[in-house]
PDB file of N, CA and C in Angstrom:
ATOM      1  N   LEU A   1       0.435  -1.815   0.560  1.00  0.00           N
ATOM      2  CA  LEU A   1       1.205  -2.610   1.024  1.00  0.00           C
ATOM      3  C   LEU A   1       2.672  -1.890   1.349  1.00  0.00           C
ATOM      4  N   ILE A   2       3.200  -1.865   2.502  1.00  0.00           N
ATOM      5  CA  ILE A   2       4.479  -1.294   2.812  1.00  0.00           C
ATOM      6  C   ILE A   2       5.240  -1.894   3.602  1.00  0.00           C
ATOM      7  N   GLY A   3       6.660  -2.536   3.281  1.00  0.00           N
ATOM      8  CA  GLY A   3       7.521  -3.175   3.798  1.00  0.00           C
ATOM      9  C   GLY A   3       8.669  -2.107   4.387  1.00  0.00           C
ATOM     10  N   LEU A   4       9.046  -2.536   5.683  1.00  0.00           N
ATOM     11  CA  LEU A   4      10.018  -1.577   6.095  1.00  0.00           C
ATOM     12  C   LEU A   4      11.176  -2.523   6.707  1.00  0.00           C
ATOM     13  N   LYS A   5      12.393  -1.896   6.735  1.00  0.00           N
ATOM     14  CA  LYS A   5      13.398  -2.805   7.258  1.00  0.00           C
ATOM     15  C   LYS A   5      13.549  -2.733   9.049  1.00  0.00           C
ATOM     16  N   ALA A   6      12.558  -1.627   9.423  1.00  0.00           N
ATOM     17  CA  ALA A   6      12.769  -1.344  10.962  1.00  0.00           C
ATOM     18  C   ALA A   6      11.642  -0.353  10.976  1.00  0.00           C
ATOM     19  N   PRO A   7      11.004  -0.509  12.405  1.00  0.00           N
ATOM     20  CA  PRO A   7       9.917   0.463  12.473  1.00  0.00           C
ATOM     21  C   PRO A   7      10.195   1.878  12.332  1.00  0.00           C
ATOM     22  N   CYS A   8       9.293   2.601  11.733  1.00  0.00           N
ATOM     23  CA  CYS A   8       9.596   4.007  11.581  1.00  0.00           C
ATOM     24  C   CYS A   8       8.368   5.103  12.291  1.00  0.00           C
ATOM     25  N   ALA A   9       8.957   5.440  13.746  1.00  0.00           N
ATOM     26  CA  ALA A   9       8.029   6.401  14.488  1.00  0.00           C
ATOM     27  C   ALA A   9       7.369   7.590  13.246  1.00  0.00           C
ATOM     28  N   GLY A  10       6.466   7.833  13.415  1.00  0.00           N
ATOM     29  CA  GLY A  10       5.626   9.066  12.678  1.00  0.00           C
ATOM     30  C   GLY A  10       5.293   8.830  11.298  1.00  0.00           C
ATOM     31  N   LEU A  11       5.614   7.702  10.607  1.00  0.00           N
ATOM     32  CA  LEU A  11       5.100   7.526   9.191  1.00  0.00           C
ATOM     33  C   LEU A  11       3.768   7.381   9.073  1.00  0.00           C
ATOM     34  N   PHE A  12       3.013   7.070   9.975  1.00  0.00           N
ATOM     35  CA  PHE A  12       1.720   6.811   9.739  1.00  0.00           C
ATOM     36  C   PHE A  12       0.631   8.007  10.689  1.00  0.00           C
ATOM     37  N   GLU A  13       1.436   8.939  10.907  1.00  0.00           N
ATOM     38  CA  GLU A  13       0.641  10.102  11.860  1.00  0.00           C
ATOM     39  C   GLU A  13       0.578  11.192  10.948  1.00  0.00           C
ATOM     40  N   GLY A  14      -0.858  11.687  10.965  1.00  0.00           N
ATOM     41  CA  GLY A  14      -1.338  12.649  10.289  1.00  0.00           C
ATOM     42  C   GLY A  14      -1.782  12.314   8.888  1.00  0.00           C
ATOM     43  N   ILE A  15      -2.060  10.933   8.743  1.00  0.00           N
ATOM     44  CA  ILE A  15      -2.490  10.572   7.394  1.00  0.00           C
ATOM     45  C   ILE A  15      -3.951  10.795   7.541  1.00  0.00           C
ATOM     46  N   SER A  16      -4.631  11.109   6.224  1.00  0.00           N
ATOM     47  CA  SER A  16      -6.243  11.271   6.154  1.00  0.00           C
ATOM     48  C   SER A  16      -6.858   9.587   5.693  1.00  0.00           C
ATOM     49  N   TRP A  17      -6.982   8.790   6.582  1.00  0.00           N
ATOM     50  CA  TRP A  17      -7.017   7.265   6.312  1.00  0.00           C
ATOM     51  C   TRP A  17      -8.778   7.315   5.697  1.00  0.00           C
ATOM     52  N   SER A  18      -8.825   6.304   4.913  1.00  0.00           N
ATOM     53  CA  SER A  18     -10.042   6.135   4.013  1.00  0.00           C
ATOM     54  C   SER A  18     -10.480   7.075   3.167  1.00  0.00           C
ATOM     55  N   THR A  19      -9.435   7.761   2.404  1.00  0.00           N
ATOM     56  CA  THR A  19      -9.441   8.697   1.547  1.00  0.00           C
ATOM     57  C   THR A  19      -8.596   8.735   0.390  1.00  0.00           C
ATOM     58  N   GLU A  20      -8.850   9.412  -0.548  1.00  0.00           N
ATOM     59  CA  GLU A  20      -8.252   9.232  -1.960  1.00  0.00           C
ATOM     60  C   GLU A  20      -6.727   9.940  -1.615  1.00  0.00           C
ATOM     61  N   LYS A  21      -6.410  10.326  -0.565  1.00  0.00           N
ATOM     62  CA  LYS A  21      -5.238  10.965  -0.150  1.00  0.00           C
ATOM     63  C   LYS A  21      -4.223  10.287   0.304  1.00  0.00           C
ATOM     64  N   VAL A  22      -4.646   9.209   0.773  1.00  0.00           N
ATOM     65  CA  VAL A  22      -3.666   8.226   1.837  1.00  0.00           C
ATOM     66  C   VAL A  22      -2.052   7.751   0.905  1.00  0.00           C
ATOM     67  N   LEU A  23      -2.374   7.484  -0.094  1.00  0.00           N
ATOM     68  CA  LEU A  23      -1.069   7.152  -1.020  1.00  0.00           C
ATOM     69  C   LEU A  23      -0.104   8.391  -1.004  1.00  0.00           C
ATOM     70  N   ASP A  24      -0.470   9.694  -1.349  1.00  0.00           N
ATOM     71  CA  ASP A  24       0.003  10.828  -1.651  1.00  0.00           C
ATOM     72  C   ASP A  24       0.724  11.219  -0.232  1.00  0.00           C
ATOM     73  N   GLU A  25      -0.362  11.088   0.652  1.00  0.00           N
ATOM     74  CA  GLU A  25       0.222  11.611   2.015  1.00  0.00           C
ATOM     75  C   GLU A  25       1.486  10.674   2.789  1.00  0.00           C
ATOM     76  N   THR A  26       1.243   9.323   2.678  1.00  0.00           N
ATOM     77  CA  THR A  26       2.119   8.549   2.969  1.00  0.00           C
ATOM     78  C   THR A  26       3.633   8.818   2.342  1.00  0.00           C
ATOM     79  N   LEU A  27       3.615   8.844   1.127  1.00  0.00           N
ATOM     80  CA  LEU A  27       4.813   9.246   0.281  1.00  0.00           C
ATOM     81  C   LEU A  27       5.413  10.427   0.808  1.00  0.00           C
ATOM     82  N   ARG A  28       4.669  11.567   0.847  1.00  0.00           N
ATOM     83  CA  ARG A  28       5.238  12.787   1.314  1.00  0.00           C
ATOM     84  C   ARG A  28       5.673  12.548   2.874  1.00  0.00           C
ATOM     85  N   LYS A  29       5.281  11.996   3.400  1.00  0.00           N
ATOM     86  CA  LYS A  29       5.539  11.669   4.677  1.00  0.00           C
ATOM     87  C   LYS A  29       7.047  11.114   4.893  1.00  0.00           C
ATOM     88  N   ALA A  30       7.024   9.794   3.916  1.00  0.00           N
ATOM     89  CA  ALA A  30       8.208   9.071   3.623  1.00  0.00           C
ATOM     90  C   ALA A  30       9.346  10.128   3.396  1.00  0.00           C
ATOM     91  N   GLN A  31       9.123  10.841   2.380  1.00  0.00           N
ATOM     92  CA  GLN A  31      10.238  11.499   2.017  1.00  0.00           C
ATOM     93  C   GLN A  31      10.617  12.385   2.923  1.00  0.00           C
ATOM     94  N   GLU A  32       9.632  13.156   3.725  1.00  0.00           N
ATOM     95  CA  GLU A  32      10.232  14.159   4.814  1.00  0.00           C
ATOM     96  C   GLU A  32      10.943  13.591   5.801  1.00  0.00           C
ATOM     97  N   LEU A  33      10.847  11.929   6.012  1.00  0.00           N
ATOM     98  CA  LEU A  33      11.474  11.152   6.876  1.00  0.00           C
ATOM     99  C   LEU A  33      12.751  10.755   6.636  1.00  0.00           C
ATOM    100  N   GLY A  34      13.271  11.091   5.179  1.00  0.00           N
ATOM    101  CA  GLY A  34      14.364  10.413   4.617  1.00  0.00           C
ATOM    102  C   GLY A  34      14.442   9.127   4.314  1.00  0.00           C
ATOM    103  N   LEU A  35      13.079   8.731   3.671  1.00  0.00           N
ATOM    104  CA  LEU A  35      13.042   7.035   3.557  1.00  0.00           C
ATOM    105  C   LEU A  35      13.243   6.998   2.234  1.00  0.00           C
ATOM    106  N   SER A  36      13.781   5.785   1.636  1.00  0.00           N
ATOM    107  CA  SER A  36      13.647   5.598   0.291  1.00  0.00           C
ATOM    108  C   SER A  36      12.530   4.667   0.068  1.00  0.00           C
ATOM    109  N   PHE A  37      12.064   4.583  -1.231  1.00  0.00           N
ATOM    110  CA  PHE A  37      11.203   3.894  -1.559  1.00  0.00           C
ATOM    111  C   PHE A  37      10.854   3.925  -3.026  1.00  0.00           C
ATOM    112  N   ALA A  38      10.142   2.613  -3.405  1.00  0.00           N
ATOM    113  CA  ALA A  38       9.760   2.295  -4.780  1.00  0.00           C
ATOM    114  C   ALA A  38       8.506   1.829  -5.191  1.00  0.00           C
ATOM    115  N   LEU A  39       7.674   2.400  -5.960  1.00  0.00           N
ATOM    116  CA  LEU A  39       6.365   1.747  -5.831  1.00  0.00           C
ATOM    117  C   LEU A  39       6.093   0.819  -7.066  1.00  0.00           C
ATOM    118  N   LEU A  40       5.184  -0.311  -6.891  1.00  0.00           N
ATOM    119  CA  LEU A  40       5.411  -1.388  -7.528  1.00  0.00           C
ATOM    120  C   LEU A  40       4.068  -1.275  -8.575  1.00  0.00           C
ATOM    121  N   PRO A  41       4.076  -1.906  -9.687  1.00  0.00           N
ATOM    122  CA  PRO A  41       2.772  -1.682 -10.569  1.00  0.00           C
ATOM    123  C   PRO A  41       1.285  -2.091  -9.886  1.00  0.00           C
ATOM    124  N   THR A  42       0.510  -1.367 -10.141  1.00  0.00           N
ATOM    125  CA  THR A  42      -0.569  -1.230  -9.567  1.00  0.00           C
ATOM    126  C   THR A  42      -1.521  -2.545 -10.171  1.00  0.00           C
ATOM    127  N   LEU A  43      -2.172  -3.114  -9.150  1.00  0.00           N
ATOM    128  CA  LEU A  43      -3.042  -4.138  -9.409  1.00  0.00           C
ATOM    129  C   LEU A  43      -4.494  -4.027  -9.351  1.00  0.00           C
ATOM    130  N   SER A  44      -5.387  -4.965  -9.658  1.00  0.00           N
ATOM    131  CA  SER A  44      -6.816  -4.507  -9.037  1.00  0.00           C
ATOM    132  C   SER A  44      -6.758  -5.247  -7.721  1.00  0.00           C
ATOM    133  N   ASP A  45      -7.956  -4.664  -7.208  1.00  0.00           N
ATOM    134  CA  ASP A  45      -8.214  -4.949  -5.639  1.00  0.00           C
ATOM    135  C   ASP A  45      -8.657  -6.387  -5.804  1.00  0.00           C
ATOM    136  N   VAL A  46      -8.448  -6.893  -4.551  1.00  0.00           N
ATOM    137  CA  VAL A  46      -9.128  -8.318  -4.656  1.00  0.00           C
ATOM    138  C   VAL A  46      -9.790  -8.746  -3.308  1.00  0.00           C
ATOM    139  N   ASP A  47     -11.246  -8.446  -3.269  1.00  0.00           N
ATOM    140  CA  ASP A  47     -11.812  -8.301  -1.923  1.00  0.00           C
ATOM    141  C   ASP A  47     -12.725  -9.780  -1.998  1.00  0.00           C
ATOM    142  N   TYR A  48     -13.278 -10.529  -3.006  1.00  0.00           N
ATOM    143  CA  TYR A  48     -13.933 -11.313  -2.787  1.00  0.00           C
ATOM    144  C   TYR A  48     -13.414 -12.533  -3.911  1.00  0.00           C
ATOM    145  N   GLU A  49     -14.072 -13.619  -3.737  1.00  0.00           N
ATOM    146  CA  GLU A  49     -13.453 -14.926  -4.449  1.00  0.00           C
ATOM    147  C   GLU A  49     -13.677 -14.611  -5.950  1.00  0.00           C
ATOM    148  N   GLU A  50     -14.707 -13.942  -6.474  1.00  0.00           N
ATOM    149  CA  GLU A  50     -14.820 -13.649  -8.108  1.00  0.00           C
ATOM    150  C   GLU A  50     -13.813 -12.729  -8.356  1.00  0.00           C
ATOM    151  N   ASP A  51     -13.202 -11.870  -7.390  1.00  0.00           N
ATOM    152  CA  ASP A  51     -12.461 -11.070  -7.883  1.00  0.00           C
ATOM    153  C   ASP A  51     -11.034 -11.864  -8.341  1.00  0.00           C
ATOM    154  N   TRP A  52     -10.733 -12.832  -7.508  1.00  0.00           N
ATOM    155  CA  TRP A  52      -9.398 -13.777  -7.272  1.00  0.00           C
ATOM    156  C   TRP A  52      -9.795 -14.457  -8.574  1.00  0.00           C
ATOM    157  N   LEU A  53     -10.762 -15.008  -9.240  1.00  0.00           N
ATOM    158  CA  LEU A  53     -11.080 -15.832 -10.085  1.00  0.00           C
ATOM    159  C   LEU A  53     -10.983 -14.772 -11.439  1.00  0.00           C
ATOM    160  N   GLU A  54     -11.345 -13.986 -11.592  1.00  0.00           N
ATOM    161  CA  GLU A  54     -11.266 -12.919 -12.625  1.00  0.00           C
ATOM    162  C   GLU A  54      -9.673 -12.837 -13.281  1.00  0.00           C
ATOM    163  N   HIS A  55      -8.807 -13.033 -12.004  1.00  0.00           N
ATOM    164  CA  HIS A  55      -7.519 -13.122 -12.912  1.00  0.00           C
ATOM    165  C   HIS A  55      -7.032 -14.407 -13.212  1.00  0.00           C
ATOM    166  N   GLY A  56      -7.850 -15.160 -12.822  1.00  0.00           N
ATOM    167  CA  GLY A  56      -7.593 -16.726 -13.347  1.00  0.00           C
ATOM    168  C   GLY A  56      -6.732 -17.416 -12.478  1.00  0.00           C
ATOM    169  N   TRP A  57      -6.459 -17.079 -11.452  1.00  0.00           N
ATOM    170  CA  TRP A  57      -5.695 -17.739 -10.169  1.00  0.00           C
ATOM    171  C   TRP A  57      -6.551 -18.682  -9.674  1.00  0.00           C
ATOM    172  N   ASP A  58      -5.580 -19.660  -9.078  1.00  0.00           N
ATOM    173  CA  ASP A  58      -6.099 -21.256  -8.774  1.00  0.00           C
ATOM    174  C   ASP A  58      -6.309 -21.028  -7.168  1.00  0.00           C
ATOM    175  N   LEU A  59      -7.522 -21.160  -6.726  1.00  0.00           N
ATOM    176  CA  LEU A  59      -7.985 -20.956  -5.328  1.00  0.00           C
ATOM    177  C   LEU A  59      -7.220 -22.102  -4.572  1.00  0.00           C
ATOM    178  N   ASP A  60      -6.847 -23.203  -5.020  1.00  0.00           N
ATOM    179  CA  ASP A  60      -6.093 -24.299  -4.384  1.00  0.00           C
ATOM    180  C   ASP A  60      -4.574 -24.446  -4.606  1.00  0.00           C
ATOM    181  N   ALA A  61      -4.135 -23.190  -4.988  1.00  0.00           N
ATOM    182  CA  ALA A  61      -2.893 -23.195  -5.155  1.00  0.00           C
ATOM    183  C   ALA A  61      -2.067 -22.977  -3.794  1.00  0.00           C
TER     184      ALA A  61
END
């Protein structure tokens, strides 16, 4: 997930999508473009209802 204050041309150009390199390449590109950024703690992926329930989160909330 990436949040920007304004559009940034070129940030997503030349990224090897659907690979393990996406994060590193995106961070490198952000540095090249002079963008400041911070990384938040990594959480597990939630793709299915079971994944959500593993966290103990309420589906009705």
